[in-house]
């Protein structure tokens, strides 16, 4: 900022915040809409840049104490998020999911920024330029990454014979309204299922609040195994926003590839029902977003399996142990 930098602390702070927010928003738009990446560049490097950039700009040639650096960094992050919401770039659900990592890395960035301007002032500008250039460079590198296919399996014991459970697996009536917070917040959830045809020529439709999963049957082995591939899928959520938001991550970033229901007759005559979903997502860091994905998929599984259990046990004759 040089000798032209304002001496007034308030003006200096807002100029530092404004420059950091503008650069961050431009890089975010480029990454999401230009390169098509939701990854390390967005969720790791951007909050680091927000923390470090705002601290470096404010403390350039004068220094900054850690408490001030932290305060300016979090205020910058808050304004950055407000702009994402105001201009319909992202919705509340995605921001809330990313918040734990974003807050931590913004704080770390503020520590790094303060350390640079306090101890290595000559490197402040090069570091700021390096951070700015690294974000789009990493996004380009991530574009070539092939995501791994992972599976999530959930099971339940049902007090009914496999033959009874099988009929309720194929299709089931309207489910009750959910109690889970994630579904009330906007994550899509299953409402009912229907099937057209029989055997490997059949097509199952698992209907969600945002549309239907179209599931051509690949294995039909009653009453043991029903396996299917996913030909079409709806949006994974309805984003909470001031606007009718259509963020890119709602399309082709969480991909369900196939699924199955496995029925096993237990020694007591009951049935163990396992539901498995195979999926991948084009969002990284994978280890973090997979925690969310597994939690959501398990919650969806439990909702479906509990409904199948209720329907099957209602239709079943008493099972002899």
C-alpha atoms as a PDB file:
ATOM      1  CA  UNK A   1       0.000   0.000   0.000  1.00  0.00           C
ATOM      2  CA  UNK A   2       3.090   2.215   0.337  1.00  0.00           C
ATOM      3  CA  UNK A   3       3.145   5.807   1.531  1.00  0.00           C
ATOM      4  CA  UNK A   4      -0.243   6.449  -0.048  1.00  0.00           C
ATOM      5  CA  UNK A   5      -1.900   4.094   2.418  1.00  0.00           C
ATOM      6  CA  UNK A   6      -4.369   5.916   4.661  1.00  0.00           C
ATOM      7  CA  UNK A   7      -3.271   6.503   8.236  1.00  0.00           C
ATOM      8  CA  UNK A   8      -6.793   6.238   9.565  1.00  0.00           C
ATOM      9  CA  UNK A   9      -7.172   2.728  10.980  1.00  0.00           C
ATOM     10  CA  UNK A  10     -10.825   2.397   9.983  1.00  0.00           C
ATOM     11  CA  UNK A  11     -10.188   3.406   6.373  1.00  0.00           C
ATOM     12  CA  UNK A  12      -7.151   1.152   6.200  1.00  0.00           C
ATOM     13  CA  UNK A  13      -9.188  -1.753   7.549  1.00  0.00           C
ATOM     14  CA  UNK A  14     -12.048  -1.341   5.077  1.00  0.00           C
ATOM     15  CA  UNK A  15      -9.696  -0.903   2.133  1.00  0.00           C
ATOM     16  CA  UNK A  16      -7.888  -4.108   3.163  1.00  0.00           C
ATOM     17  CA  UNK A  17     -11.172  -5.973   3.539  1.00  0.00           C
ATOM     18  CA  UNK A  18     -12.568  -4.595   0.277  1.00  0.00           C
ATOM     19  CA  UNK A  19      -9.540  -5.563  -1.806  1.00  0.00           C
ATOM     20  CA  UNK A  20      -9.426  -9.053  -0.284  1.00  0.00           C
ATOM     21  CA  UNK A  21     -13.158  -9.635  -0.808  1.00  0.00           C
ATOM     22  CA  UNK A  22     -13.069  -8.460  -4.426  1.00  0.00           C
ATOM     23  CA  UNK A  23     -10.102 -10.688  -5.299  1.00  0.00           C
ATOM     24  CA  UNK A  24     -11.645 -13.654  -3.453  1.00  0.00           C
ATOM     25  CA  UNK A  25     -15.025 -13.265  -5.147  1.00  0.00           C
ATOM     26  CA  UNK A  26     -13.451 -12.971  -8.608  1.00  0.00           C
ATOM     27  CA  UNK A  27     -11.329 -16.067  -8.024  1.00  0.00           C
ATOM     28  CA  UNK A  28     -14.380 -17.942  -6.706  1.00  0.00           C
ATOM     29  CA  UNK A  29     -16.463 -17.042  -9.754  1.00  0.00           C
ATOM     30  CA  UNK A  30     -13.626 -18.052 -12.050  1.00  0.00           C
ATOM     31  CA  UNK A  31     -13.139 -21.352 -10.232  1.00  0.00           C
ATOM     32  CA  UNK A  32     -16.825 -22.300 -10.109  1.00  0.00           C
ATOM     33  CA  UNK A  33     -18.121 -21.018 -13.438  1.00  0.00           C
ATOM     34  CA  UNK A  34     -14.918 -20.773 -15.472  1.00  0.00           C
ATOM     35  CA  UNK A  35     -13.045 -23.923 -14.467  1.00  0.00           C
ATOM     36  CA  UNK A  36     -15.985 -25.791 -12.921  1.00  0.00           C
ATOM     37  CA  UNK A  37     -14.229 -26.836  -9.734  1.00  0.00           C
ATOM     38  CA  UNK A  38     -15.387 -27.158  -6.153  1.00  0.00           C
ATOM     39  CA  UNK A  39     -12.189 -28.247  -4.515  1.00  0.00           C
ATOM     40  CA  UNK A  40      -9.037 -27.395  -2.614  1.00  0.00           C
ATOM     41  CA  UNK A  41      -8.698 -24.056  -4.407  1.00  0.00           C
ATOM     42  CA  UNK A  42     -12.131 -22.980  -3.169  1.00  0.00           C
ATOM     43  CA  UNK A  43     -12.442 -24.651   0.229  1.00  0.00           C
ATOM     44  CA  UNK A  44      -8.799 -24.588   1.398  1.00  0.00           C
ATOM     45  CA  UNK A  45      -6.814 -21.887  -0.384  1.00  0.00           C
ATOM     46  CA  UNK A  46      -9.561 -19.249  -0.582  1.00  0.00           C
ATOM     47  CA  UNK A  47     -10.204 -19.026   3.195  1.00  0.00           C
ATOM     48  CA  UNK A  48      -6.425 -19.070   3.747  1.00  0.00           C
ATOM     49  CA  UNK A  49      -6.151 -16.164   1.314  1.00  0.00           C
ATOM     50  CA  UNK A  50      -9.004 -14.315   3.022  1.00  0.00           C
ATOM     51  CA  UNK A  51      -7.235 -14.573   6.389  1.00  0.00           C
ATOM     52  CA  UNK A  52      -3.719 -13.897   5.144  1.00  0.00           C
ATOM     53  CA  UNK A  53      -4.585 -11.312   2.491  1.00  0.00           C
ATOM     54  CA  UNK A  54      -6.645  -9.056   4.723  1.00  0.00           C
ATOM     55  CA  UNK A  55      -4.009  -9.240   7.480  1.00  0.00           C
ATOM     56  CA  UNK A  56      -1.109  -8.515   5.124  1.00  0.00           C
ATOM     57  CA  UNK A  57      -2.857  -5.568   3.471  1.00  0.00           C
ATOM     58  CA  UNK A  58      -3.806  -4.015   6.794  1.00  0.00           C
ATOM     59  CA  UNK A  59      -0.428  -4.585   8.445  1.00  0.00           C
ATOM     60  CA  UNK A  60       1.791  -3.789   5.468  1.00  0.00           C
ATOM     61  CA  UNK A  61       4.737  -1.575   6.552  1.00  0.00           C
ATOM     62  CA  UNK A  62       3.288  -1.088  10.021  1.00  0.00           C
ATOM     63  CA  UNK A  63       2.660  -4.517  11.527  1.00  0.00           C
ATOM     64  CA  UNK A  64      -0.462  -6.021  13.064  1.00  0.00           C
ATOM     65  CA  UNK A  65      -1.209  -7.756  16.346  1.00  0.00           C
ATOM     66  CA  UNK A  66      -2.754 -11.278  16.137  1.00  0.00           C
ATOM     67  CA  UNK A  67      -6.042 -10.180  17.718  1.00  0.00           C
ATOM     68  CA  UNK A  68      -6.544  -7.447  15.108  1.00  0.00           C
ATOM     69  CA  UNK A  69      -5.525  -9.807  12.322  1.00  0.00           C
ATOM     70  CA  UNK A  70      -8.089 -12.358  13.506  1.00  0.00           C
ATOM     71  CA  UNK A  71     -10.849  -9.751  13.790  1.00  0.00           C
ATOM     72  CA  UNK A  72     -10.218  -8.341  10.309  1.00  0.00           C
ATOM     73  CA  UNK A  73      -9.924 -11.835   8.801  1.00  0.00           C
ATOM     74  CA  UNK A  74     -13.258 -13.029  10.182  1.00  0.00           C
ATOM     75  CA  UNK A  75     -14.970  -9.785   9.174  1.00  0.00           C
ATOM     76  CA  UNK A  76     -13.590 -10.269   5.657  1.00  0.00           C
ATOM     77  CA  UNK A  77     -14.897 -13.840   5.615  1.00  0.00           C
ATOM     78  CA  UNK A  78     -18.326 -12.656   6.777  1.00  0.00           C
ATOM     79  CA  UNK A  79     -18.552 -10.061   3.985  1.00  0.00           C
ATOM     80  CA  UNK A  80     -17.295 -12.619   1.443  1.00  0.00           C
ATOM     81  CA  UNK A  81     -20.079 -15.028   2.493  1.00  0.00           C
ATOM     82  CA  UNK A  82     -22.674 -12.239   2.431  1.00  0.00           C
ATOM     83  CA  UNK A  83     -21.687 -11.494  -1.184  1.00  0.00           C
ATOM     84  CA  UNK A  84     -22.022 -15.184  -2.096  1.00  0.00           C
ATOM     85  CA  UNK A  85     -25.575 -15.125  -0.747  1.00  0.00           C
ATOM     86  CA  UNK A  86     -26.516 -11.681  -2.052  1.00  0.00           C
ATOM     87  CA  UNK A  87     -25.430 -12.408  -5.626  1.00  0.00           C
ATOM     88  CA  UNK A  88     -26.876 -15.960  -5.615  1.00  0.00           C
ATOM     89  CA  UNK A  89     -23.485 -17.602  -6.077  1.00  0.00           C
ATOM     90  CA  UNK A  90     -24.090 -20.070  -3.245  1.00  0.00           C
ATOM     91  CA  UNK A  91     -26.799 -20.997  -0.766  1.00  0.00           C
ATOM     92  CA  UNK A  92     -26.860 -21.404   2.986  1.00  0.00           C
ATOM     93  CA  UNK A  93     -26.600 -25.207   3.043  1.00  0.00           C
ATOM     94  CA  UNK A  94     -23.336 -25.400   1.122  1.00  0.00           C
ATOM     95  CA  UNK A  95     -21.880 -22.509   3.121  1.00  0.00           C
ATOM     96  CA  UNK A  96     -22.901 -24.131   6.421  1.00  0.00           C
ATOM     97  CA  UNK A  97     -21.260 -27.416   5.390  1.00  0.00           C
ATOM     98  CA  UNK A  98     -18.041 -25.640   4.447  1.00  0.00           C
ATOM     99  CA  UNK A  99     -18.065 -23.373   7.528  1.00  0.00           C
ATOM    100  CA  UNK A 100     -15.974 -25.533   9.923  1.00  0.00           C
ATOM    101  CA  UNK A 101     -13.077 -25.743   7.466  1.00  0.00           C
ATOM    102  CA  UNK A 102     -13.519 -22.141   6.313  1.00  0.00           C
ATOM    103  CA  UNK A 103     -13.399 -20.700   9.834  1.00  0.00           C
ATOM    104  CA  UNK A 104     -10.344 -22.746  10.808  1.00  0.00           C
ATOM    105  CA  UNK A 105      -8.371 -21.871   7.673  1.00  0.00           C
ATOM    106  CA  UNK A 106      -9.289 -18.189   7.835  1.00  0.00           C
ATOM    107  CA  UNK A 107      -7.930 -18.124  11.377  1.00  0.00           C
ATOM    108  CA  UNK A 108      -4.742 -19.924  10.269  1.00  0.00           C
ATOM    109  CA  UNK A 109      -4.439 -17.473   7.382  1.00  0.00           C
ATOM    110  CA  UNK A 110      -4.652 -14.525   9.766  1.00  0.00           C
ATOM    111  CA  UNK A 111      -1.815 -16.001  11.843  1.00  0.00           C
ATOM    112  CA  UNK A 112       0.329 -16.499   8.725  1.00  0.00           C
ATOM    113  CA  UNK A 113      -0.455 -12.997   7.451  1.00  0.00           C
ATOM    114  CA  UNK A 114       0.398 -11.392  10.764  1.00  0.00           C
ATOM    115  CA  UNK A 115       3.631 -13.360  10.980  1.00  0.00           C
ATOM    116  CA  UNK A 116       4.670 -12.268   7.498  1.00  0.00           C
ATOM    117  CA  UNK A 117       4.102  -8.522   7.979  1.00  0.00           C
ATOM    118  CA  UNK A 118       5.586  -8.541  11.469  1.00  0.00           C
ATOM    119  CA  UNK A 119       8.715 -10.624  10.833  1.00  0.00           C
ATOM    120  CA  UNK A 120       9.326 -10.773   7.077  1.00  0.00           C
ATOM    121  CA  UNK A 121       7.917  -7.523   5.741  1.00  0.00           C
ATOM    122  CA  UNK A 122       9.898  -7.657   2.503  1.00  0.00           C
ATOM    123  CA  UNK A 123       8.128 -10.863   1.518  1.00  0.00           C
ATOM    124  CA  UNK A 124       4.585  -9.571   2.142  1.00  0.00           C
ATOM    125  CA  UNK A 125       3.807  -8.468  -1.420  1.00  0.00           C
ATOM    126  CA  UNK A 126       5.373 -11.529  -3.120  1.00  0.00           C
ATOM    127  CA  UNK A 127       3.466 -13.839  -0.761  1.00  0.00           C
ATOM    128  CA  UNK A 128       0.201 -12.042  -1.509  1.00  0.00           C
ATOM    129  CA  UNK A 129       0.793 -12.319  -5.264  1.00  0.00           C
ATOM    130  CA  UNK A 130       1.785 -15.987  -4.899  1.00  0.00           C
ATOM    131  CA  UNK A 131      -1.401 -16.793  -2.967  1.00  0.00           C
ATOM    132  CA  UNK A 132      -3.523 -15.008  -5.564  1.00  0.00           C
ATOM    133  CA  UNK A 133      -1.953 -16.948  -8.442  1.00  0.00           C
ATOM    134  CA  UNK A 134      -1.944 -20.299  -6.638  1.00  0.00           C
ATOM    135  CA  UNK A 135      -5.729 -20.495  -6.292  1.00  0.00           C
ATOM    136  CA  UNK A 136      -6.586 -20.683 -10.038  1.00  0.00           C
ATOM    137  CA  UNK A 137      -3.468 -22.796 -10.718  1.00  0.00           C
ATOM    138  CA  UNK A 138      -4.587 -25.443  -8.225  1.00  0.00           C
ATOM    139  CA  UNK A 139      -8.135 -25.358  -9.650  1.00  0.00           C
ATOM    140  CA  UNK A 140      -6.730 -26.187 -13.111  1.00  0.00           C
ATOM    141  CA  UNK A 141      -4.708 -29.071 -11.654  1.00  0.00           C
ATOM    142  CA  UNK A 142      -7.780 -30.432  -9.844  1.00  0.00           C
ATOM    143  CA  UNK A 143      -9.732 -30.467 -13.095  1.00  0.00           C
ATOM    144  CA  UNK A 144      -7.805 -33.563 -14.245  1.00  0.00           C
ATOM    145  CA  UNK A 145      -8.450 -35.489 -11.012  1.00  0.00           C
ATOM    146  CA  UNK A 146     -10.689 -38.555 -11.306  1.00  0.00           C
ATOM    147  CA  UNK A 147     -12.885 -39.081  -8.221  1.00  0.00           C
ATOM    148  CA  UNK A 148     -13.040 -42.499  -6.559  1.00  0.00           C
ATOM    149  CA  UNK A 149     -16.209 -44.578  -6.349  1.00  0.00           C
ATOM    150  CA  UNK A 150     -17.201 -45.232  -2.724  1.00  0.00           C
ATOM    151  CA  UNK A 151     -20.029 -47.148  -1.097  1.00  0.00           C
ATOM    152  CA  UNK A 152     -22.251 -46.644   1.937  1.00  0.00           C
ATOM    153  CA  UNK A 153     -24.135 -49.577   3.509  1.00  0.00           C
ATOM    154  CA  UNK A 154     -26.854 -49.362   6.150  1.00  0.00           C
ATOM    155  CA  UNK A 155     -28.693 -52.339   7.659  1.00  0.00           C
ATOM    156  CA  UNK A 156     -31.761 -53.059   9.760  1.00  0.00           C
ATOM    157  CA  UNK A 157     -33.411 -56.153  11.232  1.00  0.00           C
ATOM    158  CA  UNK A 158     -37.040 -56.689  10.265  1.00  0.00           C
ATOM    159  CA  UNK A 159     -39.459 -58.978  12.063  1.00  0.00           C
ATOM    160  CA  UNK A 160     -40.773 -60.554   8.865  1.00  0.00           C
ATOM    161  CA  UNK A 161     -39.738 -63.223   6.397  1.00  0.00           C
ATOM    162  CA  UNK A 162     -37.608 -62.243   3.356  1.00  0.00           C
ATOM    163  CA  UNK A 163     -40.523 -62.936   0.990  1.00  0.00           C
ATOM    164  CA  UNK A 164     -42.619 -60.290   2.747  1.00  0.00           C
ATOM    165  CA  UNK A 165     -39.763 -57.793   2.945  1.00  0.00           C
ATOM    166  CA  UNK A 166     -39.001 -58.278  -0.765  1.00  0.00           C
ATOM    167  CA  UNK A 167     -42.395 -56.952  -1.822  1.00  0.00           C
ATOM    168  CA  UNK A 168     -41.868 -53.817   0.247  1.00  0.00           C
ATOM    169  CA  UNK A 169     -38.396 -53.315  -1.198  1.00  0.00           C
ATOM    170  CA  UNK A 170     -39.684 -53.263  -4.770  1.00  0.00           C
ATOM    171  CA  UNK A 171     -42.032 -50.379  -4.076  1.00  0.00           C
ATOM    172  CA  UNK A 172     -43.394 -48.651  -1.034  1.00  0.00           C
ATOM    173  CA  UNK A 173     -46.114 -46.054  -0.362  1.00  0.00           C
ATOM    174  CA  UNK A 174     -45.752 -42.468   0.774  1.00  0.00           C
ATOM    175  CA  UNK A 175     -43.373 -41.989   3.683  1.00  0.00           C
ATOM    176  CA  UNK A 176     -44.181 -39.816   6.683  1.00  0.00           C
ATOM    177  CA  UNK A 177     -42.833 -36.299   6.782  1.00  0.00           C
ATOM    178  CA  UNK A 178     -39.249 -36.350   8.098  1.00  0.00           C
ATOM    179  CA  UNK A 179     -38.137 -35.235  11.533  1.00  0.00           C
ATOM    180  CA  UNK A 180     -34.459 -34.920  10.616  1.00  0.00           C
ATOM    181  CA  UNK A 181     -33.101 -31.372  10.525  1.00  0.00           C
ATOM    182  CA  UNK A 182     -31.047 -31.877   7.352  1.00  0.00           C
ATOM    183  CA  UNK A 183     -34.197 -32.724   5.387  1.00  0.00           C
ATOM    184  CA  UNK A 184     -36.094 -29.758   6.765  1.00  0.00           C
ATOM    185  CA  UNK A 185     -33.117 -27.576   5.837  1.00  0.00           C
ATOM    186  CA  UNK A 186     -33.323 -28.559   2.174  1.00  0.00           C
ATOM    187  CA  UNK A 187     -31.482 -31.853   1.604  1.00  0.00           C
ATOM    188  CA  UNK A 188     -33.590 -33.976  -0.771  1.00  0.00           C
ATOM    189  CA  UNK A 189     -35.257 -37.002   0.808  1.00  0.00           C
ATOM    190  CA  UNK A 190     -37.229 -40.010  -0.521  1.00  0.00           C
ATOM    191  CA  UNK A 191     -41.022 -39.877  -0.491  1.00  0.00           C
ATOM    192  CA  UNK A 192     -42.108 -43.152  -2.163  1.00  0.00           C
ATOM    193  CA  UNK A 193     -40.986 -45.757  -4.695  1.00  0.00           C
ATOM    194  CA  UNK A 194     -42.666 -47.489  -7.637  1.00  0.00           C
ATOM    195  CA  UNK A 195     -41.569 -50.166 -10.077  1.00  0.00           C
ATOM    196  CA  UNK A 196     -42.572 -50.775 -13.683  1.00  0.00           C
ATOM    197  CA  UNK A 197     -42.158 -54.322 -14.994  1.00  0.00           C
ATOM    198  CA  UNK A 198     -40.668 -57.429 -13.441  1.00  0.00           C
ATOM    199  CA  UNK A 199     -37.263 -59.052 -13.506  1.00  0.00           C
ATOM    200  CA  UNK A 200     -34.227 -57.531 -15.210  1.00  0.00           C
ATOM    201  CA  UNK A 201     -36.476 -55.607 -17.590  1.00  0.00           C
ATOM    202  CA  UNK A 202     -38.020 -53.692 -14.705  1.00  0.00           C
ATOM    203  CA  UNK A 203     -37.313 -50.057 -13.895  1.00  0.00           C
ATOM    204  CA  UNK A 204     -37.614 -48.776 -10.357  1.00  0.00           C
ATOM    205  CA  UNK A 205     -38.401 -45.142  -9.561  1.00  0.00           C
ATOM    206  CA  UNK A 206     -37.292 -43.867  -6.165  1.00  0.00           C
ATOM    207  CA  UNK A 207     -39.010 -40.502  -5.830  1.00  0.00           C
ATOM    208  CA  UNK A 208     -37.397 -37.675  -3.884  1.00  0.00           C
ATOM    209  CA  UNK A 209     -38.576 -34.176  -3.055  1.00  0.00           C
ATOM    210  CA  UNK A 210     -36.506 -32.801  -5.944  1.00  0.00           C
ATOM    211  CA  UNK A 211     -37.341 -35.473  -8.536  1.00  0.00           C
ATOM    212  CA  UNK A 212     -36.874 -39.173  -9.242  1.00  0.00           C
ATOM    213  CA  UNK A 213     -33.995 -41.616  -9.344  1.00  0.00           C
ATOM    214  CA  UNK A 214     -34.506 -43.787 -12.425  1.00  0.00           C
ATOM    215  CA  UNK A 215     -33.119 -47.227 -11.569  1.00  0.00           C
ATOM    216  CA  UNK A 216     -33.051 -49.974 -14.237  1.00  0.00           C
ATOM    217  CA  UNK A 217     -32.735 -53.356 -12.523  1.00  0.00           C
ATOM    218  CA  UNK A 218     -29.471 -55.256 -13.110  1.00  0.00           C
ATOM    219  CA  UNK A 219     -29.935 -58.156 -10.648  1.00  0.00           C
ATOM    220  CA  UNK A 220     -33.374 -59.606  -9.790  1.00  0.00           C
ATOM    221  CA  UNK A 221     -32.987 -62.470  -7.320  1.00  0.00           C
ATOM    222  CA  UNK A 222     -36.072 -62.685  -5.089  1.00  0.00           C
ATOM    223  CA  UNK A 223     -36.091 -62.680  -2.134  1.00  0.00           C
ATOM    224  CA  UNK A 224     -32.347 -62.191  -1.777  1.00  0.00           C
ATOM    225  CA  UNK A 225     -30.929 -59.383  -3.894  1.00  0.00           C
ATOM    226  CA  UNK A 226     -32.235 -56.442  -5.891  1.00  0.00           C
ATOM    227  CA  UNK A 227     -29.505 -54.478  -7.646  1.00  0.00           C
ATOM    228  CA  UNK A 228     -29.841 -51.518  -9.993  1.00  0.00           C
ATOM    229  CA  UNK A 229     -27.867 -48.856 -11.781  1.00  0.00           C
ATOM    230  CA  UNK A 230     -28.805 -45.180 -11.648  1.00  0.00           C
ATOM    231  CA  UNK A 231     -29.740 -43.839 -15.057  1.00  0.00           C
ATOM    232  CA  UNK A 232     -31.058 -40.449 -13.934  1.00  0.00           C
ATOM    233  CA  UNK A 233     -30.992 -38.595 -10.647  1.00  0.00           C
ATOM    234  CA  UNK A 234     -32.512 -35.381  -9.299  1.00  0.00           C
ATOM    235  CA  UNK A 235     -30.775 -32.490  -7.579  1.00  0.00           C
ATOM    236  CA  UNK A 236     -29.377 -33.492  -4.173  1.00  0.00           C
ATOM    237  CA  UNK A 237     -30.858 -30.491  -2.374  1.00  0.00           C
ATOM    238  CA  UNK A 238     -32.886 -27.329  -2.627  1.00  0.00           C
ATOM    239  CA  UNK A 239     -30.522 -24.570  -1.573  1.00  0.00           C
ATOM    240  CA  UNK A 240     -31.688 -22.075   1.024  1.00  0.00           C
ATOM    241  CA  UNK A 241     -31.263 -18.641  -0.488  1.00  0.00           C
ATOM    242  CA  UNK A 242     -32.909 -15.278  -0.943  1.00  0.00           C
ATOM    243  CA  UNK A 243     -33.188 -16.153  -4.630  1.00  0.00           C
ATOM    244  CA  UNK A 244     -34.087 -19.180  -6.727  1.00  0.00           C
ATOM    245  CA  UNK A 245     -30.489 -20.330  -6.755  1.00  0.00           C
ATOM    246  CA  UNK A 246     -29.151 -22.881  -9.229  1.00  0.00           C
ATOM    247  CA  UNK A 247     -25.568 -23.361  -8.067  1.00  0.00           C
ATOM    248  CA  UNK A 248     -23.348 -25.572 -10.253  1.00  0.00           C
ATOM    249  CA  UNK A 249     -22.742 -28.023  -7.386  1.00  0.00           C
ATOM    250  CA  UNK A 250     -26.408 -29.066  -7.654  1.00  0.00           C
ATOM    251  CA  UNK A 251     -25.595 -30.729 -10.990  1.00  0.00           C
ATOM    252  CA  UNK A 252     -23.064 -33.488 -11.623  1.00  0.00           C
ATOM    253  CA  UNK A 253     -21.066 -33.013  -8.438  1.00  0.00           C
ATOM    254  CA  UNK A 254     -22.687 -35.778  -6.354  1.00  0.00           C
ATOM    255  CA  UNK A 255     -23.229 -38.770  -8.636  1.00  0.00           C
ATOM    256  CA  UNK A 256     -25.032 -41.932  -7.558  1.00  0.00           C
ATOM    257  CA  UNK A 257     -23.975 -44.797  -9.837  1.00  0.00           C
ATOM    258  CA  UNK A 258     -25.731 -47.880  -8.496  1.00  0.00           C
ATOM    259  CA  UNK A 259     -27.449 -49.370  -5.490  1.00  0.00           C
ATOM    260  CA  UNK A 260     -28.801 -52.577  -4.047  1.00  0.00           C
ATOM    261  CA  UNK A 261     -31.001 -54.135  -1.392  1.00  0.00           C
ATOM    262  CA  UNK A 262     -29.683 -57.373   0.099  1.00  0.00           C
ATOM    263  CA  UNK A 263     -31.999 -59.586   2.155  1.00  0.00           C
ATOM    264  CA  UNK A 264     -30.590 -62.237   4.505  1.00  0.00           C
ATOM    265  CA  UNK A 265     -32.748 -64.674   6.475  1.00  0.00           C
ATOM    266  CA  UNK A 266     -31.637 -64.786  10.103  1.00  0.00           C
ATOM    267  CA  UNK A 267     -31.729 -67.894  12.355  1.00  0.00           C
ATOM    268  CA  UNK A 268     -34.710 -66.469  14.256  1.00  0.00           C
ATOM    269  CA  UNK A 269     -36.743 -66.161  11.054  1.00  0.00           C
ATOM    270  CA  UNK A 270     -36.345 -62.411  10.774  1.00  0.00           C
ATOM    271  CA  UNK A 271     -34.694 -60.624   7.868  1.00  0.00           C
ATOM    272  CA  UNK A 272     -31.587 -58.489   7.806  1.00  0.00           C
ATOM    273  CA  UNK A 273     -32.048 -55.859   5.121  1.00  0.00           C
ATOM    274  CA  UNK A 274     -28.999 -54.010   3.823  1.00  0.00           C
ATOM    275  CA  UNK A 275     -29.174 -50.980   1.575  1.00  0.00           C
ATOM    276  CA  UNK A 276     -26.035 -49.959  -0.312  1.00  0.00           C
ATOM    277  CA  UNK A 277     -25.340 -46.933  -2.495  1.00  0.00           C
ATOM    278  CA  UNK A 278     -22.268 -46.525  -4.706  1.00  0.00           C
ATOM    279  CA  UNK A 279     -21.440 -42.924  -5.533  1.00  0.00           C
ATOM    280  CA  UNK A 280     -18.683 -40.433  -6.197  1.00  0.00           C
ATOM    281  CA  UNK A 281     -18.491 -36.672  -5.900  1.00  0.00           C
ATOM    282  CA  UNK A 282     -16.489 -34.038  -7.732  1.00  0.00           C
ATOM    283  CA  UNK A 283     -15.875 -31.988  -4.596  1.00  0.00           C
ATOM    284  CA  UNK A 284     -12.687 -31.948  -2.592  1.00  0.00           C
ATOM    285  CA  UNK A 285     -10.993 -32.298  -0.198  1.00  0.00           C
ATOM    286  CA  UNK A 286     -12.618 -35.723  -0.479  1.00  0.00           C
ATOM    287  CA  UNK A 287     -11.914 -36.785   3.111  1.00  0.00           C
ATOM    288  CA  UNK A 288     -13.955 -33.849   4.431  1.00  0.00           C
ATOM    289  CA  UNK A 289     -16.885 -33.915   2.016  1.00  0.00           C
ATOM    290  CA  UNK A 290     -17.130 -37.689   2.295  1.00  0.00           C
ATOM    291  CA  UNK A 291     -17.984 -37.240   5.975  1.00  0.00           C
ATOM    292  CA  UNK A 292     -20.995 -35.164   4.941  1.00  0.00           C
ATOM    293  CA  UNK A 293     -21.898 -37.501   2.071  1.00  0.00           C
ATOM    294  CA  UNK A 294     -21.801 -40.629   4.232  1.00  0.00           C
ATOM    295  CA  UNK A 295     -23.864 -38.968   6.943  1.00  0.00           C
ATOM    296  CA  UNK A 296     -26.512 -37.841   4.437  1.00  0.00           C
ATOM    297  CA  UNK A 297     -26.640 -41.170   2.576  1.00  0.00           C
ATOM    298  CA  UNK A 298     -26.870 -43.117   5.840  1.00  0.00           C
ATOM    299  CA  UNK A 299     -29.709 -40.848   6.971  1.00  0.00           C
ATOM    300  CA  UNK A 300     -31.559 -41.406   3.684  1.00  0.00           C
ATOM    301  CA  UNK A 301     -30.983 -45.166   3.971  1.00  0.00           C
ATOM    302  CA  UNK A 302     -32.293 -45.248   7.532  1.00  0.00           C
ATOM    303  CA  UNK A 303     -35.417 -43.371   6.474  1.00  0.00           C
ATOM    304  CA  UNK A 304     -36.134 -45.862   3.678  1.00  0.00           C
ATOM    305  CA  UNK A 305     -35.219 -48.981   5.664  1.00  0.00           C
ATOM    306  CA  UNK A 306     -37.318 -47.915   8.651  1.00  0.00           C
ATOM    307  CA  UNK A 307     -40.298 -47.394   6.350  1.00  0.00           C
ATOM    308  CA  UNK A 308     -39.802 -50.800   4.701  1.00  0.00           C
ATOM    309  CA  UNK A 309     -39.548 -52.351   8.168  1.00  0.00           C
ATOM    310  CA  UNK A 310     -42.787 -50.708   9.285  1.00  0.00           C
ATOM    311  CA  UNK A 311     -44.661 -51.769   6.137  1.00  0.00           C
ATOM    312  CA  UNK A 312     -43.267 -55.320   6.104  1.00  0.00           C
ATOM    313  CA  UNK A 313     -43.981 -55.962   9.791  1.00  0.00           C
ATOM    314  CA  UNK A 314     -47.502 -54.620   9.335  1.00  0.00           C
ATOM    315  CA  UNK A 315     -48.110 -57.049   6.472  1.00  0.00           C
ATOM    316  CA  UNK A 316     -46.296 -60.034   7.985  1.00  0.00           C
ATOM    317  CA  UNK A 317     -47.707 -62.957   9.923  1.00  0.00           C
ATOM    318  CA  UNK A 318     -46.160 -63.515  13.354  1.00  0.00           C
ATOM    319  CA  UNK A 319     -42.682 -65.021  12.986  1.00  0.00           C
ATOM    320  CA  UNK A 320     -41.836 -68.056  15.077  1.00  0.00           C
ATOM    321  CA  UNK A 321     -38.488 -67.796  16.778  1.00  0.00           C
END
